[in-house]
C-alpha cells in the first residue's frame, strides 16, 4: 500500500507518517522505484499506533510496546488483545480520576469555607501522576502471558519445592473431573482455564467452554485442543450467558481474588448455572482463620518467613467464611482437603 493510500484511508498526515518512520515505529520498505510500500505488518502496527495514541500513550512508549517480538502465528488476535488491554487501562485511569474528583467535590460541599484550593488540585495532580507511572506496567499484571508457554512444565517443576503448592496436581484435576462426571454434567464452563489441563481429563461427550484473562494461555489451549470453545475474560465479568451450564469449574485460580472479589465472583458464577448446577473450585485454601494463624506461626517458628511471604502474596480462601456466605445465598456447600493447602469446594445452586 503506497503512502497516499495510507494517509487517506487512516486520515493520517504525511508528516505524521514520516515522524513514525523516523522514530522507527512503522518503517515501510521501498519498492524498485524507491516509493514507500506499506506491508500488511506495517498496516497492523499503524492501526495499533492509532489506538495507543488515542489513549494518550507517548510515541516513545508506543515504540517500545510495538517493537516487542510477536510471532507470525495468531498475530491478529494478539494485536486485538493488545488494544483491548490498552482500552481497559484507559478506563481504569478515568475511573481513578472520576473518584478523585467526586471525593473533592463532596469535601468542598461539606466545608464551610475553602481557603486552600491547591489542596484539591494537588489530589488531581497526584492521581494523574499515579496513572502515568502505571501506564506502561499494565500489560501482563500477573505474568500469565509470559508464563503460558512453559506453564505445563513449570507446574510439575514446582512439585517438590518447599511449599509443594501443586502437589498431586494431576490427581486434583482427575478428582475434579470425577466430580463433574458424578454430576452427570454435559455442559461446563472453566474460569481461569489456563492451558486446558482440566479439559484433558474430561470425557469426550462434555461441551466445554474455557475462559481465561490471558490470551497466551488461551492460544496454548487452542493449540492443544483446536475444537474447544474459548473466551477472553475472568471471574468478575458479567456472564455472557445465564442459566445454561451444569457445572462451573475453576482450578488453582480463585486465590488471585481478594475476599470482596470472591463474593462478587460467586454471585456471578451462580448466574451461569442451571438450577441444581454446581460450582466446583479446587484451589489453595485454609479451613478458617485459626488454621491460617497456626500455619503462619509454624513457618515463623521454623525460620521460614520467606515461605509464609509467598502465601501472604496471594488470597488463600477462608473456607468457613465462603461456606457462610454461600449458605446465605441459599446454596448448599461441601468441601474436602485433597493434599497440603489444596481443597475442593462444591457450591450447589438450588
Protein backbone atom coordinates (compact mmCIF):
# COMPACT_ATOMS: atom_id res chain seq x y z
CA UNK A 1 0.00 0.00 0.00
CA UNK A 2 1.51 3.35 -1.01
CA UNK A 3 1.79 6.44 1.18
CA UNK A 4 -1.11 8.30 -0.43
CA UNK A 5 -3.50 5.40 0.10
CA UNK A 6 -2.38 5.01 3.71
CA UNK A 7 -2.85 8.62 4.78
CA UNK A 8 -6.22 8.82 3.05
CA UNK A 9 -7.53 5.53 4.47
CA UNK A 10 -6.42 6.25 8.04
CA UNK A 11 -6.74 10.04 7.99
CA UNK A 12 -3.08 10.47 8.93
CA UNK A 13 -0.94 13.28 7.58
CA UNK A 14 2.15 12.54 5.54
CA UNK A 15 4.13 14.45 8.16
CA UNK A 16 2.91 12.06 10.89
CA UNK A 17 3.87 9.04 8.76
CA UNK A 18 7.37 10.46 8.37
CA UNK A 19 7.65 11.00 12.13
CA UNK A 20 6.61 7.38 12.82
CA UNK A 21 9.20 6.26 10.27
CA UNK A 22 11.97 8.47 11.69
CA UNK A 23 11.26 7.13 15.18
CA UNK A 24 11.46 3.57 13.90
CA UNK A 25 7.88 2.69 14.83
CA UNK A 26 6.45 1.99 11.35
CA UNK A 27 9.18 1.74 8.72
CA UNK A 28 7.88 0.67 5.29
CA UNK A 29 10.20 -0.89 2.74
CA UNK A 30 10.89 0.81 -0.58
CA UNK A 31 9.90 -0.63 -3.95
CA UNK A 32 12.12 -0.64 -7.03
CA UNK A 33 11.15 2.97 -7.78
CA UNK A 34 12.12 3.98 -4.20
CA UNK A 35 8.48 4.60 -3.22
CA UNK A 36 7.34 3.55 0.23
CA UNK A 37 5.29 0.35 0.21
CA UNK A 38 3.41 -0.38 3.46
CA UNK A 39 3.14 -4.12 4.11
CA UNK A 40 0.37 -5.92 5.97
CA UNK A 41 2.53 -5.91 9.12
CA UNK A 42 3.16 -2.17 8.73
CA UNK A 43 -0.58 -1.53 8.49
CA UNK A 44 -1.20 -3.70 11.56
CA UNK A 45 1.37 -1.68 13.54
CA UNK A 46 -0.16 1.55 12.28
CA UNK A 47 -3.64 0.50 13.39
CA UNK A 48 -2.31 -0.28 16.86
CA UNK A 49 -0.39 3.00 16.96
CA UNK A 50 -3.59 4.94 16.25
CA UNK A 51 -5.37 3.33 19.21
CA UNK A 52 -2.39 3.81 21.53
CA UNK A 53 -2.08 7.50 20.61
CA UNK A 54 -5.80 7.95 21.17
CA UNK A 55 -5.32 6.51 24.67
CA UNK A 56 -2.63 9.09 25.43
CA UNK A 57 0.45 6.86 25.32
CA UNK A 58 3.61 8.78 24.22
CA UNK A 59 5.29 7.76 20.94
CA UNK A 60 8.50 6.66 22.70
CA UNK A 61 6.46 4.19 24.78
CA UNK A 62 4.47 3.08 21.73
CA UNK A 63 7.73 2.19 20.01
CA UNK A 64 8.78 0.03 22.96
CA UNK A 65 5.41 -1.72 23.07
CA UNK A 66 5.13 -2.38 19.33
CA UNK A 67 8.73 -3.48 18.92
CA UNK A 68 8.24 -6.43 21.25
CA UNK A 69 8.58 -9.69 19.35
CA UNK A 70 5.31 -11.10 18.07
CA UNK A 71 5.13 -14.49 16.41
CA UNK A 72 3.56 -14.68 12.96
CA UNK A 73 1.00 -17.18 14.22
CA UNK A 74 -2.00 -15.53 15.85
CA UNK A 75 -0.60 -12.02 15.28
CA UNK A 76 -4.07 -10.61 14.55
CA UNK A 77 -5.62 -11.91 17.77
CA UNK A 78 -2.57 -10.74 19.73
CA UNK A 79 -2.90 -7.27 18.21
CA UNK A 80 -6.60 -7.09 19.09
CA UNK A 81 -5.95 -8.32 22.64
CA UNK A 82 -3.19 -5.75 23.00
CA UNK A 83 -5.56 -2.95 22.01
CA UNK A 84 -8.21 -4.28 24.39
CA UNK A 85 -5.70 -4.09 27.26
CA UNK A 86 -4.90 -0.50 26.32
CA UNK A 87 -8.58 0.47 26.40
CA UNK A 88 -9.13 -1.34 29.73
CA UNK A 89 -6.20 0.51 31.23
CA UNK A 90 -7.53 3.86 30.00
CA UNK A 91 -10.94 3.11 31.52
CA UNK A 92 -9.26 2.37 34.86
CA UNK A 93 -7.33 5.64 34.66
CA UNK A 94 -10.52 7.59 34.00
CA UNK A 95 -12.28 5.83 36.88
CA UNK A 96 -9.42 6.86 39.21
CA UNK A 97 -9.75 10.47 38.07
CA UNK A 98 -13.53 10.37 38.45
CA UNK A 99 -13.33 9.00 42.00
CA UNK A 100 -10.76 11.65 42.98
CA UNK A 101 -12.94 14.44 41.56
CA UNK A 102 -16.08 13.11 43.26
CA UNK A 103 -14.31 12.94 46.61
CA UNK A 104 -13.04 16.51 46.21
CA UNK A 105 -16.49 17.83 45.24
CA UNK A 106 -18.08 16.16 48.27
CA UNK A 107 -15.41 17.52 50.60
CA UNK A 108 -15.89 21.06 49.30
CA UNK A 109 -19.68 20.76 49.60
CA UNK A 110 -19.27 19.97 53.29
CA UNK A 111 -16.63 22.58 54.03
CA UNK A 112 -17.83 25.90 55.46
CA UNK A 113 -15.16 27.95 53.75
CA UNK A 114 -12.49 26.78 51.33
CA UNK A 115 -9.23 28.63 51.95
CA UNK A 116 -6.78 26.30 50.24
CA UNK A 117 -7.82 25.45 46.69
CA UNK A 118 -4.44 23.95 45.90
CA UNK A 119 -5.17 21.02 48.24
CA UNK A 120 -7.85 19.71 45.89
CA UNK A 121 -5.88 20.29 42.70
CA UNK A 122 -2.87 18.58 44.29
CA UNK A 123 -5.04 15.49 44.70
CA UNK A 124 -5.86 15.58 40.98
CA UNK A 125 -2.17 16.05 40.12
CA UNK A 126 -1.26 13.09 42.30
CA UNK A 127 -3.92 10.94 40.62
CA UNK A 128 -2.66 11.89 37.15
CA UNK A 129 0.92 11.20 38.21
CA UNK A 130 0.00 7.74 39.54
CA UNK A 131 -1.85 6.96 36.32
CA UNK A 132 1.20 7.98 34.32
CA UNK A 133 3.53 5.79 36.39
CA UNK A 134 1.27 2.76 35.94
CA UNK A 135 0.61 3.36 32.25
CA UNK A 136 3.27 1.05 30.85
CA UNK A 137 3.20 -1.55 33.63
CA UNK A 138 -0.26 -2.99 32.99
CA UNK A 139 0.22 -5.35 30.06
CA UNK A 140 0.58 -8.62 31.96
CA UNK A 141 -0.35 -7.91 35.58
CA UNK A 142 0.00 -11.45 36.90
CA UNK A 143 2.63 -12.63 34.40
CA UNK A 144 0.27 -15.22 32.89
CA UNK A 145 1.06 -14.32 29.27
CA UNK A 146 4.77 -14.73 29.98
CA UNK A 147 4.14 -17.98 31.87
CA UNK A 148 1.86 -19.55 29.25
CA UNK A 149 4.41 -21.29 27.01
CA UNK A 150 6.11 -23.07 29.90
CA UNK A 151 3.07 -23.39 32.17
CA UNK A 152 2.53 -27.15 31.87
CA UNK A 153 6.20 -27.92 32.53
CA UNK A 154 6.63 -25.34 35.30
CA UNK A 155 3.62 -26.63 37.27
CA UNK A 156 5.25 -30.04 37.51
CA UNK A 157 8.64 -28.48 38.32
CA UNK A 158 7.12 -26.71 41.32
CA UNK A 159 6.08 -30.00 42.87
CA UNK A 160 8.75 -30.96 45.36
CA UNK A 161 9.74 -27.42 46.28
CA UNK A 162 9.47 -26.30 49.90
CA UNK A 163 5.77 -25.38 49.76
CA UNK A 164 4.55 -28.15 47.43
CA UNK A 165 1.70 -25.88 46.32
CA UNK A 166 0.89 -28.03 43.28
CA UNK A 167 1.47 -31.40 44.88
CA UNK A 168 -0.60 -34.14 43.19
CA UNK A 169 -1.63 -31.65 40.52
CA UNK A 170 -2.86 -34.29 38.07
CA UNK A 171 -4.74 -36.13 40.82
CA UNK A 172 -6.53 -32.91 41.79
CA UNK A 173 -7.65 -32.37 38.19
CA UNK A 174 -8.74 -36.01 37.91
CA UNK A 175 -10.75 -35.65 41.11
CA UNK A 176 -12.50 -32.54 39.76
CA UNK A 177 -13.21 -34.42 36.51
CA UNK A 178 -14.72 -37.24 38.57
CA UNK A 179 -16.96 -34.79 40.45
CA UNK A 180 -18.10 -33.36 37.11
CA UNK A 181 -18.92 -36.86 35.92
CA UNK A 182 -20.80 -37.62 39.16
CA UNK A 183 -22.93 -34.54 38.49
CA UNK A 184 -23.85 -36.01 35.08
CA UNK A 185 -22.71 -32.68 33.63
CA UNK A 186 -22.86 -32.28 29.88
CA UNK A 187 -22.12 -28.57 29.65
CA UNK A 188 -19.40 -26.92 31.75
CA UNK A 189 -17.51 -23.64 31.83
CA UNK A 190 -14.00 -23.42 33.29
CA UNK A 191 -12.96 -19.98 34.61
CA UNK A 192 -9.21 -19.45 34.66
CA UNK A 193 -8.85 -22.46 32.37
CA UNK A 194 -5.16 -21.83 31.65
CA UNK A 195 -3.80 -24.19 29.01
CA UNK A 196 -6.72 -26.61 29.29
CA UNK A 197 -5.26 -29.25 31.59
CA UNK A 198 -8.65 -29.94 33.19
CA UNK A 199 -10.26 -30.40 29.77
CA UNK A 200 -7.72 -33.13 29.06
CA UNK A 201 -9.14 -35.13 31.98
CA UNK A 202 -12.81 -34.90 30.92
CA UNK A 203 -14.96 -37.33 28.96
CA UNK A 204 -15.41 -36.63 25.28
CA UNK A 205 -19.17 -36.05 25.46
CA UNK A 206 -18.86 -32.85 27.54
CA UNK A 207 -19.43 -29.45 25.95
CA UNK A 208 -16.62 -27.32 27.36
CA UNK A 209 -16.09 -23.55 27.36
CA UNK A 210 -12.75 -22.22 28.60
CA UNK A 211 -12.39 -18.68 29.95
CA UNK A 212 -9.10 -17.01 30.82
CA UNK A 213 -7.79 -13.45 31.07
CA UNK A 214 -4.52 -14.41 29.37
CA UNK A 215 -4.65 -14.54 25.58
CA UNK A 216 -1.43 -16.58 25.55
CA UNK A 217 -2.92 -19.22 27.84
CA UNK A 218 -5.93 -19.47 25.55
CA UNK A 219 -3.72 -19.80 22.48
CA UNK A 220 -1.79 -22.63 24.13
CA UNK A 221 -5.12 -24.34 24.91
CA UNK A 222 -6.31 -23.83 21.34
CA UNK A 223 -3.11 -25.39 20.04
CA UNK A 224 -3.68 -28.47 22.23
CA UNK A 225 -7.45 -28.74 21.70
CA UNK A 226 -8.44 -26.88 18.50
CA UNK A 227 -12.20 -27.52 18.78
CA UNK A 228 -12.76 -26.17 22.29
CA UNK A 229 -14.89 -23.03 22.76
CA UNK A 230 -12.80 -20.21 24.22
CA UNK A 231 -13.49 -16.75 25.64
CA UNK A 232 -11.24 -13.99 26.92
CA UNK A 233 -12.44 -12.99 30.39
CA UNK A 234 -12.24 -13.51 34.14
CA UNK A 235 -14.22 -14.22 37.31
CA UNK A 236 -15.59 -10.69 37.60
CA UNK A 237 -17.02 -10.35 34.09
CA UNK A 238 -20.77 -10.19 33.67
CA UNK A 239 -21.93 -13.66 32.46
CA UNK A 240 -22.25 -13.73 28.67
CA UNK A 241 -24.99 -16.36 29.05
CA UNK A 242 -27.10 -17.31 32.07
CA UNK A 243 -28.75 -20.48 33.45
CA UNK A 244 -27.10 -22.67 30.80
CA UNK A 245 -24.30 -24.67 32.45
CA UNK A 246 -24.43 -27.79 34.60
CA UNK A 247 -21.08 -27.05 36.25
CA UNK A 248 -18.78 -24.05 36.64
CA UNK A 249 -15.23 -25.06 37.49
CA UNK A 250 -12.05 -23.29 38.49
CA UNK A 251 -8.73 -24.88 39.39
CA UNK A 252 -5.81 -23.05 41.02
CA UNK A 253 -7.09 -19.58 40.11
CA UNK A 254 -9.50 -18.44 42.84
CA UNK A 255 -6.64 -17.38 45.14
CA UNK A 256 -5.95 -14.37 42.93
CA UNK A 257 -9.18 -12.75 44.17
CA UNK A 258 -9.48 -10.88 47.44
CA UNK A 259 -12.44 -11.54 49.74
CA UNK A 260 -14.73 -8.91 48.23
CA UNK A 261 -13.90 -10.17 44.74
CA UNK A 262 -14.54 -13.77 45.81
CA UNK A 263 -18.04 -12.80 46.97
CA UNK A 264 -18.67 -10.99 43.70
CA UNK A 265 -17.36 -13.96 41.74
CA UNK A 266 -19.60 -16.48 43.50
CA UNK A 267 -22.66 -14.39 42.66
CA UNK A 268 -21.58 -14.14 39.04
CA UNK A 269 -20.69 -17.84 38.72
CA UNK A 270 -24.10 -18.85 40.07
CA UNK A 271 -25.73 -16.95 37.24
CA UNK A 272 -24.04 -19.22 34.68
CA UNK A 273 -25.65 -22.28 36.28
CA UNK A 274 -28.94 -24.02 35.72
CA UNK A 275 -30.97 -24.68 38.86
CA UNK A 276 -29.38 -27.69 40.50
CA UNK A 277 -25.99 -26.83 38.99
CA UNK A 278 -22.68 -26.87 40.85
CA UNK A 279 -19.64 -24.62 41.25
CA UNK A 280 -16.50 -26.72 41.77
CA UNK A 281 -13.41 -24.83 42.94
CA UNK A 282 -10.09 -26.61 43.50
CA UNK A 283 -7.58 -24.21 44.95
CA UNK A 284 -5.23 -23.19 47.73
CA UNK A 285 -7.24 -22.61 50.92
CA UNK A 286 -7.32 -22.60 54.70
CA UNK A 287 -10.20 -24.12 56.67
CA UNK A 288 -10.56 -20.95 58.74
CA UNK A 289 -8.67 -18.03 60.24
CA UNK A 290 -7.45 -20.12 63.19
CA UNK A 291 -5.80 -22.65 60.86
CA UNK A 292 -4.25 -19.83 58.88
CA UNK A 293 -2.65 -18.38 62.04
CA UNK A 294 -1.40 -21.84 63.06
CA UNK A 295 0.33 -22.21 59.69
CA UNK A 296 1.84 -18.75 59.97
CA UNK A 297 3.21 -19.50 63.43
CA UNK A 298 4.64 -22.79 62.18
CA UNK A 299 6.58 -21.13 59.34
CA UNK A 300 7.82 -18.29 61.53
CA UNK A 301 8.93 -20.63 64.34
CA UNK A 302 10.91 -22.62 61.78
CA UNK A 303 12.59 -19.52 60.37
CA UNK A 304 10.72 -19.79 57.06
CA UNK A 305 9.18 -16.37 56.83
CA UNK A 306 10.17 -16.49 53.14
CA UNK A 307 7.65 -19.29 52.57
CA UNK A 308 4.92 -17.54 54.52
CA UNK A 309 5.54 -14.40 52.44
CA UNK A 310 4.77 -16.43 49.31
CA UNK A 311 1.42 -17.45 50.82
CA UNK A 312 0.72 -13.92 52.00
CA UNK A 313 1.28 -12.64 48.47
CA UNK A 314 -1.97 -14.34 47.40
CA UNK A 315 -5.52 -14.55 48.79
CA UNK A 316 -5.99 -18.11 50.04
CA UNK A 317 -9.68 -18.78 50.61
CA UNK A 318 -11.07 -19.00 54.15
CA UNK A 319 -13.38 -21.97 53.59
CA UNK A 320 -15.69 -21.41 56.54
CA UNK A 321 -16.16 -17.78 55.55
CA UNK A 322 -17.09 -18.74 51.98
CA UNK A 323 -19.40 -21.51 53.24
CA UNK A 324 -21.21 -18.99 55.43
CA UNK A 325 -21.52 -16.55 52.52
CA UNK A 326 -22.77 -19.19 50.05
CA UNK A 327 -25.32 -20.52 52.53
CA UNK A 328 -26.71 -17.01 52.96
CA UNK A 329 -27.28 -17.06 49.19
CA UNK A 330 -29.37 -20.20 49.65
CA UNK A 331 -26.73 -22.67 48.45
CA UNK A 332 -25.52 -25.95 49.92
CA UNK A 333 -21.77 -26.41 50.29
CA UNK A 334 -19.38 -29.34 50.59
CA UNK A 335 -15.60 -29.22 50.95
CA UNK A 336 -12.69 -31.60 51.34
CA UNK A 337 -8.96 -31.36 51.75
CA UNK A 338 -7.07 -33.13 48.97
CA UNK A 339 -3.43 -32.53 49.84
CA UNK A 340 -1.39 -29.87 51.59
CA UNK A 341 -3.12 -26.48 51.00
CA UNK A 342 -5.32 -27.79 48.19
CA UNK A 343 -9.02 -28.14 48.90
CA UNK A 344 -12.04 -28.77 46.71
CA UNK A 345 -15.12 -26.67 47.39
CA UNK A 346 -18.54 -27.51 45.89
CA UNK A 347 -21.35 -24.94 45.93
CA UNK A 348 -24.74 -26.29 44.89
CA UNK A 349 -27.31 -23.94 43.37
CA UNK A 350 -30.84 -24.88 44.38
